[in-house]
Each structure stands twice: as structure tokens, then as C-alpha cells.
Amino acid sequence: MNRSLIFTVLGIIVLVVACFMPWMRIEDPALTISGVDTTGTRYGKPALTHFILAFFILGSAFIPKIWAKRLGLLFAALNLAWAIRNFGVIPHCEAGVCPEKLAGIYLLLIASIVLMITALFPKEPPVKITADPQA
């Protein structure tokens, strides 16, 4: 296994762990929100999108084709965009109540950045250059 694949797998593990960690704490109704447990809010389950995108990133990392690496780059960019959206939208102040950001949301953003970097620099198979017999 090459270094890029190891960092991809570690990034996905950290991403999944961060989705189960607390993302924010709201003091007034005493709520602690994570990516999979948003009880008491209207945020839905934002971690499900991360899980689906991480599955496709991992799958494309193991396929040694150029088209798979390009699809992995697309899924990593979507994952990073979704993480930035979660970082900005979920813990925002609403109706005078400002939640406290916890370690899970920061870890999620860092893991998504790592996955984007590993998708930008994959270990690609060498390209075979053959001489043209007609030339």
C-alpha cells in the first residue's frame, strides 16, 4: 500500500469518528449536536452525506485507473464543500443563541482537507509510451 492510500484510509477513519463526536453545544435548551444525532434541531443528519462520499472516495482510491482518480477528486471536492457548509451553517448564531463549537466539527474539517489533498496527489499507474511505427 502506498502512502497516498494510507493517508486516504486514515482520513476516512478520522472523518467517520468525527461524525460521531459532538460538533456543538447549545446552552439554552442544553443540546449537544453531533453529525448523526441532531435531536431537537432541524438540521437532519448531515453525517450521512459524508458517509456516502467517503465510501466513493475509498472505492476510487483502490481502483488503479485514471477515471477513478478523477472521480475520487470530484467526491473529495464535494466532501470538502459539505464539510465547509457544515462548519458554517450548523453552529451559527440563531435568535440570540450562539452555540459553542466542539472538537468534532474541527476534526471533520481537517479530515476533509486531508482527503482533498490525497485526492489531488494520487499514486497513478505509470503511463506507457510506445513508439509509433508509422513515424
Protein backbone atom coordinates (compact mmCIF):
# COMPACT_ATOMS: atom_id res chain seq x y z
CA MET A 1 0.00 0.00 0.00
CA ASN A 2 1.39 3.38 -0.94
CA ARG A 3 1.47 6.49 1.23
CA SER A 4 -1.42 8.23 -0.51
CA LEU A 5 -3.71 5.25 0.06
CA ILE A 6 -2.70 5.02 3.73
CA PHE A 7 -3.49 8.72 4.26
CA THR A 8 -6.82 8.27 2.45
CA VAL A 9 -7.84 5.39 4.70
CA LEU A 10 -6.71 7.25 7.84
CA GLY A 11 -8.56 10.38 6.69
CA ILE A 12 -11.77 8.43 6.20
CA ILE A 13 -11.43 6.80 9.63
CA VAL A 14 -10.94 10.21 11.23
CA LEU A 15 -13.89 11.59 9.24
CA VAL A 16 -16.21 8.81 10.44
CA VAL A 17 -15.06 9.21 14.05
CA ALA A 18 -15.57 12.98 13.82
CA CYS A 19 -19.14 12.46 12.61
CA PHE A 20 -19.95 10.61 15.83
CA MET A 21 -18.19 13.15 18.07
CA PRO A 22 -20.05 16.22 19.44
CA TRP A 23 -19.99 19.11 16.99
CA MET A 24 -21.59 21.84 19.05
CA ARG A 25 -23.29 22.54 22.34
CA ILE A 26 -26.31 24.81 22.76
CA GLU A 27 -26.59 26.06 26.35
CA ASP A 28 -30.19 27.29 26.50
CA PRO A 29 -32.08 24.05 25.75
CA ALA A 30 -28.99 22.02 26.82
CA LEU A 31 -28.43 20.22 23.49
CA THR A 32 -25.27 18.56 22.24
CA ILE A 33 -25.31 18.06 18.49
CA SER A 34 -23.21 15.58 16.51
CA GLY A 35 -23.27 14.64 12.83
CA VAL A 36 -25.57 11.68 13.35
CA ASP A 37 -27.59 12.92 16.34
CA THR A 38 -29.27 16.28 15.79
CA THR A 39 -32.21 15.72 18.10
CA GLY A 40 -34.00 18.95 18.97
CA THR A 41 -32.91 20.78 15.81
CA ARG A 42 -33.98 20.90 12.19
CA TYR A 43 -30.58 20.04 10.72
CA GLY A 44 -31.35 16.47 9.67
CA LYS A 45 -28.42 14.04 9.57
CA PRO A 46 -25.50 15.85 7.89
CA ALA A 47 -23.09 12.96 8.50
CA LEU A 48 -24.92 10.66 6.08
CA THR A 49 -23.65 12.67 3.13
CA HIS A 50 -20.11 12.39 4.49
CA PHE A 51 -20.51 8.62 4.85
CA ILE A 52 -21.70 8.21 1.24
CA LEU A 53 -18.95 10.44 -0.17
CA ALA A 54 -16.29 8.71 1.95
CA PHE A 55 -17.42 5.35 0.57
CA PHE A 56 -16.95 6.60 -3.00
CA ILE A 57 -13.60 8.24 -2.18
CA LEU A 58 -12.34 4.97 -0.70
CA GLY A 59 -13.61 2.96 -3.65
CA SER A 60 -11.98 5.24 -6.18
CA ALA A 61 -8.70 5.19 -4.26
CA PHE A 62 -8.38 1.41 -4.68
CA ILE A 63 -9.08 1.39 -8.44
CA PRO A 64 -5.84 1.94 -10.37
CA LYS A 65 -7.40 3.80 -13.32
CA ILE A 66 -7.22 7.44 -14.29
CA TRP A 67 -11.01 7.83 -14.45
CA ALA A 68 -11.29 6.51 -10.88
CA LYS A 69 -8.75 9.05 -9.64
CA ARG A 70 -10.71 11.84 -11.33
CA LEU A 71 -13.96 10.63 -9.77
CA GLY A 72 -12.18 10.48 -6.42
CA LEU A 73 -11.18 14.10 -6.87
CA LEU A 74 -14.81 15.02 -7.57
CA PHE A 75 -16.09 13.17 -4.49
CA ALA A 76 -13.33 14.67 -2.30
CA ALA A 77 -14.24 18.18 -3.50
CA LEU A 78 -17.92 17.53 -2.75
CA ASN A 79 -16.97 16.19 0.68
CA LEU A 80 -14.87 19.27 1.43
CA ALA A 81 -17.67 21.56 0.27
CA TRP A 82 -20.15 19.72 2.50
CA ALA A 83 -17.75 19.98 5.46
CA ILE A 84 -17.34 23.73 4.91
CA ARG A 85 -21.11 24.03 4.72
CA ASN A 86 -21.50 22.10 7.97
CA PHE A 87 -18.80 24.21 9.62
CA GLY A 88 -20.55 27.43 8.63
CA VAL A 89 -24.26 26.63 8.79
CA ILE A 90 -24.76 24.26 11.69
CA PRO A 91 -23.04 26.16 14.54
CA HIS A 92 -24.25 29.64 13.55
CA CYS A 93 -25.99 32.01 15.96
CA GLU A 94 -29.76 31.96 15.75
CA ALA A 95 -32.32 34.02 17.70
CA GLY A 96 -29.63 35.37 20.03
CA VAL A 97 -28.34 31.91 20.99
CA CYS A 98 -24.77 31.21 19.89
CA PRO A 99 -23.68 27.58 20.22
CA GLU A 100 -20.20 26.53 21.26
CA LYS A 101 -18.18 24.72 18.57
CA LEU A 102 -16.66 21.49 19.85
CA ALA A 103 -13.75 19.36 18.65
CA GLY A 104 -15.79 17.16 16.31
CA ILE A 105 -16.58 19.92 13.82
CA TYR A 106 -12.92 20.99 13.66
CA LEU A 107 -11.77 17.38 13.23
CA LEU A 108 -14.32 16.91 10.44
CA LEU A 109 -12.97 19.91 8.56
CA ILE A 110 -9.34 18.77 8.98
CA ALA A 111 -10.17 15.24 7.79
CA SER A 112 -11.97 16.61 4.74
CA ILE A 113 -8.96 18.78 3.88
CA VAL A 114 -6.67 15.75 4.20
CA LEU A 115 -8.94 13.73 1.90
CA MET A 116 -8.89 16.55 -0.65
CA ILE A 117 -5.09 16.70 -0.58
CA THR A 118 -4.79 12.92 -1.03
CA ALA A 119 -7.21 13.10 -3.95
CA LEU A 120 -5.14 15.87 -5.56
CA PHE A 121 -1.95 13.80 -5.41
CA PRO A 122 -2.86 10.15 -6.04
CA LYS A 123 -0.42 7.39 -6.85
CA GLU A 124 -1.22 6.89 -10.51
CA PRO A 125 -0.15 3.95 -12.64
CA PRO A 126 2.76 4.75 -14.95
CA VAL A 127 1.81 5.72 -18.48
CA LYS A 128 3.33 3.52 -21.17
CA ILE A 129 4.73 5.46 -24.09
CA THR A 130 5.05 3.42 -27.22
CA ALA A 131 6.85 4.44 -30.37
CA ASP A 132 4.64 4.97 -33.36
CA PRO A 133 5.73 2.54 -36.10
CA GLN A 134 4.29 4.84 -38.78
CA ALA A 135 6.54 7.79 -37.89
